[in-house]
Amino acid sequence: MSKAQPLDTKLAILGCLFGACCWGIIWYPYRILAESGLAGIASSIYTYIVAVSIGCVLFAKHWRAIKDIPKSIIWLCLVAGWTNLSYVVAVIDGEVMRVMLLFYLSPIWTLILAHFWLHEKTTKTGYIAITISLMGAYIMLTNPLSGTLSLPIPQSKSDWLALSAGMGFALTNVITRKASYLSLHAKSFAVWIGVIAMVLLWLPFIHTSLPAPQLITLKQWLIIVLIALLIMAATYFVQYGVTKITATRASVLFLFELIVAAVASYYLTSEVMTLSEWIGGALILSAAVFAALNHPNEH
């Protein structure tokens, strides 16, 4: 083993933790923008336009190879775009921890997709994790301790968006795994452009229009640029991390996002989770850790 390997591993771990911290706190500046009058749809598209613009300048030389990008990147673009957009809108409109925990059903959707699409055999551990996670989701969404049950089970738009974001994240992971030949730059641009594309596709179906750039205040633009830089940094650090350490180790490190979100939401908002949400969330988190720690190592 080379002497550089331990340093690579440490940097990879720090990269994954940095990404988890970014996504655990990034909802707050988005909420500040929403409270100042810039809706989640508008702040999302402008944030990713800034990210793409900066990326174009920093990585201009990579555009020469755009003709070699395979068509499969279009699917990654659309799915990852929906994942990021629905996640942002969900954490702006919904309760942070509830959205986060519903999003973290994504490892279960990954197991299911990997079974049917990648033809990976689902182990006994996988079935146990799926069962525990679905129990947790059912308890969170139905709140059985209240003695009432309403259908459909998700109680709000943010619940539906959080669930779809988790499914989209799982599908993104599977697509990325099948398209391992895509470069880091190609995957990053696919995500950023995908969000812009999904906003443009979504606009005709909602009663919202995008404000003109000149109507956005200087303070809002500064926050938008800050979010864009965080998103770019998180994307690159996470991509570096997952290429240097095993998938199982990375998946456990990403759960640090929940801790960051819990602390941030406690100090920055007045949100309080119900007992059913605590119980359901604990089951989902336990299932994710159980599945990660008992999954065969991958490099």
Protein backbone atom coordinates (compact mmCIF):
# COMPACT_ATOMS: atom_id res chain seq x y z
CA MET A 1 0.00 0.00 0.00
CA SER A 2 1.35 3.44 -0.89
CA LYS A 3 2.06 6.02 1.78
CA ALA A 4 -0.45 8.40 0.15
CA GLN A 5 -3.37 6.03 0.68
CA PRO A 6 -4.09 6.95 4.34
CA LEU A 7 -4.16 10.65 3.40
CA ASP A 8 -6.49 9.93 0.48
CA THR A 9 -8.81 8.07 2.81
CA LYS A 10 -8.83 10.89 5.35
CA LEU A 11 -9.53 13.47 2.65
CA ALA A 12 -12.31 11.28 1.25
CA ILE A 13 -13.92 10.99 4.68
CA LEU A 14 -13.67 14.75 5.17
CA GLY A 15 -15.17 15.23 1.69
CA CYS A 16 -18.20 13.08 2.51
CA LEU A 17 -18.69 14.81 5.87
CA PHE A 18 -18.37 18.23 4.24
CA GLY A 19 -21.03 17.28 1.69
CA ALA A 20 -23.29 16.02 4.48
CA CYS A 21 -22.83 19.30 6.38
CA CYS A 22 -23.66 21.35 3.29
CA TRP A 23 -26.88 19.47 2.54
CA GLY A 24 -27.81 19.42 6.23
CA ILE A 25 -27.76 23.24 6.44
CA ILE A 26 -28.44 24.42 2.88
CA TRP A 27 -32.19 24.52 3.49
CA TYR A 28 -31.74 27.54 5.77
CA PRO A 29 -30.47 30.10 3.20
CA TYR A 30 -33.19 28.82 0.85
CA ARG A 31 -35.75 29.58 3.55
CA ILE A 32 -34.29 33.04 4.06
CA LEU A 33 -34.80 33.66 0.34
CA ALA A 34 -38.38 32.33 0.54
CA GLU A 35 -39.16 34.60 3.50
CA SER A 36 -37.78 37.57 1.57
CA GLY A 37 -40.21 36.87 -1.27
CA LEU A 38 -38.13 34.68 -3.61
CA ALA A 39 -39.99 31.36 -4.00
CA GLY A 40 -38.22 28.02 -3.96
CA ILE A 41 -38.68 27.49 -7.69
CA ALA A 42 -37.13 30.87 -8.51
CA SER A 43 -34.26 30.56 -6.02
CA SER A 44 -33.49 27.05 -7.30
CA ILE A 45 -33.20 28.01 -10.97
CA TYR A 46 -31.10 31.10 -10.26
CA THR A 47 -28.87 29.16 -7.87
CA TYR A 48 -28.14 26.52 -10.47
CA ILE A 49 -27.74 29.07 -13.27
CA VAL A 50 -24.99 30.65 -11.16
CA ALA A 51 -23.46 27.20 -10.53
CA VAL A 52 -23.48 26.36 -14.26
CA SER A 53 -22.05 29.79 -15.15
CA ILE A 54 -19.18 29.45 -12.68
CA GLY A 55 -18.61 25.88 -13.82
CA CYS A 56 -18.42 26.94 -17.45
CA VAL A 57 -15.68 29.43 -16.61
CA LEU A 58 -13.67 27.12 -14.35
CA PHE A 59 -13.90 24.07 -16.59
CA ALA A 60 -14.14 25.63 -20.05
CA LYS A 61 -11.58 23.26 -21.55
CA HIS A 62 -13.84 20.28 -20.86
CA TRP A 63 -16.54 21.63 -23.19
CA ARG A 64 -14.42 20.53 -26.16
CA ALA A 65 -15.42 16.95 -25.38
CA ILE A 66 -19.17 17.67 -25.24
CA LYS A 67 -19.70 15.81 -28.52
CA ASP A 68 -18.48 12.63 -26.79
CA ILE A 69 -21.04 12.78 -23.97
CA PRO A 70 -23.35 9.73 -24.24
CA LYS A 71 -27.13 10.02 -24.44
CA SER A 72 -27.47 8.31 -21.07
CA ILE A 73 -26.46 11.59 -19.44
CA ILE A 74 -29.86 12.99 -20.43
CA TRP A 75 -31.57 10.56 -18.05
CA LEU A 76 -29.11 11.44 -15.30
CA CYS A 77 -29.78 15.12 -16.00
CA LEU A 78 -33.57 14.81 -15.68
CA VAL A 79 -33.66 12.44 -12.70
CA ALA A 80 -30.96 14.23 -10.70
CA GLY A 81 -32.55 17.56 -11.62
CA TRP A 82 -35.92 16.49 -10.23
CA THR A 83 -34.25 15.05 -7.12
CA ASN A 84 -32.50 18.30 -6.22
CA LEU A 85 -35.46 20.54 -7.10
CA SER A 86 -38.06 18.50 -5.19
CA TYR A 87 -35.72 18.26 -2.19
CA VAL A 88 -35.21 22.03 -2.07
CA VAL A 89 -38.94 22.81 -2.39
CA ALA A 90 -39.75 20.18 0.26
CA VAL A 91 -37.34 21.57 2.88
CA ILE A 92 -38.58 25.12 2.22
CA ASP A 93 -42.26 24.26 2.60
CA GLY A 94 -42.13 21.34 5.05
CA GLU A 95 -40.61 20.42 8.41
CA VAL A 96 -36.88 19.96 7.97
CA MET A 97 -36.37 16.72 9.91
CA ARG A 98 -39.54 15.12 8.57
CA VAL A 99 -38.40 15.87 5.01
CA MET A 100 -34.87 14.63 5.73
CA LEU A 101 -36.04 11.36 7.23
CA LEU A 102 -38.50 10.65 4.42
CA PHE A 103 -35.71 11.43 1.95
CA TYR A 104 -33.50 8.89 3.71
CA LEU A 105 -35.78 6.10 2.58
CA SER A 106 -33.58 6.38 -0.54
CA PRO A 107 -31.29 3.45 0.44
CA ILE A 108 -34.36 1.22 0.41
CA TRP A 109 -35.43 2.39 -3.05
CA THR A 110 -31.83 1.79 -4.16
CA LEU A 111 -32.00 -1.82 -2.97
CA ILE A 112 -35.25 -2.35 -4.86
CA LEU A 113 -33.99 -0.71 -8.07
CA ALA A 114 -30.69 -2.58 -7.90
CA HIS A 115 -32.62 -5.85 -7.56
CA PHE A 116 -34.86 -5.32 -10.60
CA TRP A 117 -32.65 -3.14 -12.84
CA LEU A 118 -29.07 -4.11 -12.04
CA HIS A 119 -30.11 -7.71 -11.26
CA GLU A 120 -28.32 -7.63 -7.92
CA LYS A 121 -29.49 -10.27 -5.50
CA THR A 122 -31.27 -8.82 -2.47
CA THR A 123 -29.85 -10.37 0.68
CA LYS A 124 -31.65 -11.19 3.91
CA THR A 125 -30.14 -8.00 5.33
CA GLY A 126 -31.72 -6.04 2.50
CA TYR A 127 -35.19 -7.44 3.14
CA ILE A 128 -34.89 -6.67 6.86
CA ALA A 129 -33.80 -3.09 6.12
CA ILE A 130 -36.66 -2.59 3.67
CA THR A 131 -39.22 -3.87 6.20
CA ILE A 132 -37.90 -1.69 9.04
CA SER A 133 -37.76 1.42 6.82
CA LEU A 134 -41.28 0.98 5.50
CA MET A 135 -42.54 0.49 9.07
CA GLY A 136 -40.83 3.72 10.05
CA ALA A 137 -42.29 5.59 7.09
CA TYR A 138 -45.77 4.26 7.86
CA ILE A 139 -45.54 5.41 11.50
CA MET A 140 -44.26 8.85 10.48
CA LEU A 141 -46.89 9.41 7.81
CA THR A 142 -49.95 7.99 9.56
CA ASN A 143 -49.21 9.15 13.14
CA PRO A 144 -50.99 6.12 14.67
CA LEU A 145 -50.58 7.51 18.19
CA SER A 146 -53.12 10.20 17.31
CA GLY A 147 -55.79 7.56 16.72
CA THR A 148 -56.63 8.85 13.23
CA LEU A 149 -55.65 7.75 9.74
CA SER A 150 -56.12 9.79 6.59
CA LEU A 151 -55.49 8.80 2.99
CA PRO A 152 -53.43 9.26 0.98
CA ILE A 153 -50.84 8.53 3.64
CA PRO A 154 -48.45 11.46 2.86
CA GLN A 155 -50.11 14.42 4.56
CA SER A 156 -48.77 17.30 2.50
CA LYS A 157 -47.08 18.37 -0.73
CA SER A 158 -43.72 18.44 1.06
CA ASP A 159 -44.20 14.80 2.12
CA TRP A 160 -44.81 13.77 -1.50
CA LEU A 161 -41.83 15.82 -2.69
CA ALA A 162 -39.54 14.35 0.00
CA LEU A 163 -40.57 10.81 -0.95
CA SER A 164 -40.08 11.51 -4.65
CA ALA A 165 -36.70 13.14 -3.94
CA GLY A 166 -35.57 10.01 -2.11
CA MET A 167 -36.74 7.82 -4.99
CA GLY A 168 -35.03 10.15 -7.46
CA PHE A 169 -31.80 10.02 -5.46
CA ALA A 170 -31.92 6.23 -5.51
CA LEU A 171 -32.55 6.22 -9.25
CA THR A 172 -29.71 8.72 -9.74
CA ASN A 173 -27.35 6.37 -7.87
CA VAL A 174 -28.36 3.44 -10.07
CA ILE A 175 -28.00 5.46 -13.29
CA THR A 176 -24.60 6.74 -12.15
CA ARG A 177 -23.52 3.21 -11.36
CA LYS A 178 -24.52 1.99 -14.82
CA ALA A 179 -22.82 5.02 -16.42
CA SER A 180 -19.53 4.82 -14.54
CA TYR A 181 -17.73 6.03 -17.68
CA LEU A 182 -19.08 9.58 -17.13
CA SER A 183 -16.50 12.05 -15.85
CA LEU A 184 -16.86 14.07 -12.66
CA HIS A 185 -17.39 17.23 -14.70
CA ALA A 186 -20.07 15.59 -16.87
CA LYS A 187 -21.99 14.28 -13.86
CA SER A 188 -21.81 17.61 -12.05
CA PHE A 189 -23.04 19.60 -15.05
CA ALA A 190 -25.80 17.02 -15.58
CA VAL A 191 -27.13 17.65 -12.07
CA TRP A 192 -26.94 21.44 -12.29
CA ILE A 193 -28.44 21.71 -15.78
CA GLY A 194 -31.05 19.14 -14.81
CA VAL A 195 -32.44 21.38 -12.07
CA ILE A 196 -32.74 24.28 -14.52
CA ALA A 197 -34.49 22.02 -17.05
CA MET A 198 -36.94 20.67 -14.46
CA VAL A 199 -37.87 24.19 -13.31
CA LEU A 200 -38.60 25.20 -16.91
CA LEU A 201 -40.70 22.05 -17.39
CA TRP A 202 -42.55 22.64 -14.10
CA LEU A 203 -43.41 26.32 -14.62
CA PRO A 204 -46.35 25.80 -17.06
CA PHE A 205 -48.14 23.66 -14.44
CA ILE A 206 -47.91 26.05 -11.48
CA HIS A 207 -49.22 29.55 -10.89
CA THR A 208 -45.78 31.08 -10.47
CA SER A 209 -43.60 33.19 -12.70
CA LEU A 210 -39.87 33.76 -12.41
CA PRO A 211 -38.88 37.27 -11.28
CA ALA A 212 -36.59 39.16 -13.64
CA PRO A 213 -32.93 39.19 -12.49
CA GLN A 214 -33.01 42.96 -11.98
CA LEU A 215 -35.87 42.57 -9.47
CA ILE A 216 -33.73 40.42 -7.19
CA THR A 217 -32.05 42.45 -4.44
CA LEU A 218 -28.32 42.53 -3.81
CA LYS A 219 -28.77 40.63 -0.53
CA GLN A 220 -30.74 37.91 -2.33
CA TRP A 221 -28.07 37.64 -5.04
CA LEU A 222 -25.36 37.27 -2.40
CA ILE A 223 -27.29 34.43 -0.77
CA ILE A 224 -27.89 32.81 -4.18
CA VAL A 225 -24.16 32.93 -4.98
CA LEU A 226 -23.34 31.50 -1.54
CA ILE A 227 -25.75 28.59 -2.08
CA ALA A 228 -24.33 27.97 -5.57
CA LEU A 229 -20.78 27.81 -4.21
CA LEU A 230 -21.87 25.42 -1.45
CA ILE A 231 -23.64 23.19 -3.98
CA MET A 232 -20.59 23.13 -6.27
CA ALA A 233 -18.22 22.37 -3.40
CA ALA A 234 -20.48 19.67 -1.97
CA THR A 235 -20.86 18.02 -5.39
CA TYR A 236 -17.12 17.82 -6.00
CA PHE A 237 -16.12 16.80 -2.48
CA VAL A 238 -18.76 14.08 -2.36
CA GLN A 239 -17.79 12.77 -5.81
CA TYR A 240 -14.16 12.65 -4.67
CA GLY A 241 -15.12 10.89 -1.46
CA VAL A 242 -17.20 8.14 -3.02
CA THR A 243 -14.40 7.29 -5.47
CA LYS A 244 -11.82 6.83 -2.70
CA ILE A 245 -13.69 4.87 -0.02
CA THR A 246 -16.15 1.98 -0.06
CA ALA A 247 -19.82 2.65 -0.77
CA THR A 248 -20.82 1.23 2.63
CA ARG A 249 -18.52 3.57 4.50
CA ALA A 250 -19.69 6.57 2.48
CA SER A 251 -23.38 5.79 3.04
CA VAL A 252 -22.87 5.80 6.82
CA LEU A 253 -20.93 9.09 6.66
CA PHE A 254 -23.76 10.72 4.68
CA LEU A 255 -26.11 10.06 7.61
CA PHE A 256 -24.20 12.85 9.40
CA GLU A 257 -26.47 15.14 7.39
CA LEU A 258 -29.34 14.19 9.71
CA ILE A 259 -27.37 15.26 12.78
CA VAL A 260 -26.47 18.60 11.19
CA ALA A 261 -30.08 19.15 10.11
CA ALA A 262 -31.41 18.23 13.57
CA VAL A 263 -29.09 20.68 15.35
CA ALA A 264 -29.69 23.43 12.78
CA SER A 265 -33.47 23.07 12.80
CA TYR A 266 -33.49 23.10 16.63
CA TYR A 267 -31.57 26.37 16.89
CA LEU A 268 -32.79 28.11 13.72
CA THR A 269 -36.49 27.21 13.69
CA SER A 270 -39.26 26.45 16.14
CA GLU A 271 -40.10 23.10 14.58
CA VAL A 272 -40.91 20.24 16.96
CA MET A 273 -41.20 16.61 15.91
CA THR A 274 -44.09 14.51 17.23
CA LEU A 275 -43.55 11.23 19.06
CA SER A 276 -44.67 9.28 15.97
CA GLU A 277 -42.12 11.15 13.86
CA TRP A 278 -39.36 10.38 16.38
CA ILE A 279 -40.26 6.68 16.41
CA GLY A 280 -40.64 6.44 12.64
CA GLY A 281 -37.47 8.44 12.05
CA ALA A 282 -35.49 6.23 14.43
CA LEU A 283 -36.65 3.14 12.52
CA ILE A 284 -35.67 4.66 9.15
CA LEU A 285 -32.26 5.76 10.45
CA SER A 286 -31.65 2.36 12.09
CA ALA A 287 -32.54 0.57 8.86
CA ALA A 288 -30.16 2.76 6.84
CA VAL A 289 -27.26 2.14 9.26
CA PHE A 290 -28.09 -1.59 9.45
CA ALA A 291 -28.16 -1.93 5.66
CA ALA A 292 -24.90 0.01 5.27
CA LEU A 293 -22.94 -1.83 7.94
CA ASN A 294 -24.10 -5.26 6.74
CA HIS A 295 -23.70 -4.66 3.01
CA PRO A 296 -20.71 -6.18 1.24
CA ASN A 297 -17.89 -3.69 0.75
CA GLU A 298 -17.51 -2.17 -2.71
CA HIS A 299 -14.66 -0.14 -4.16
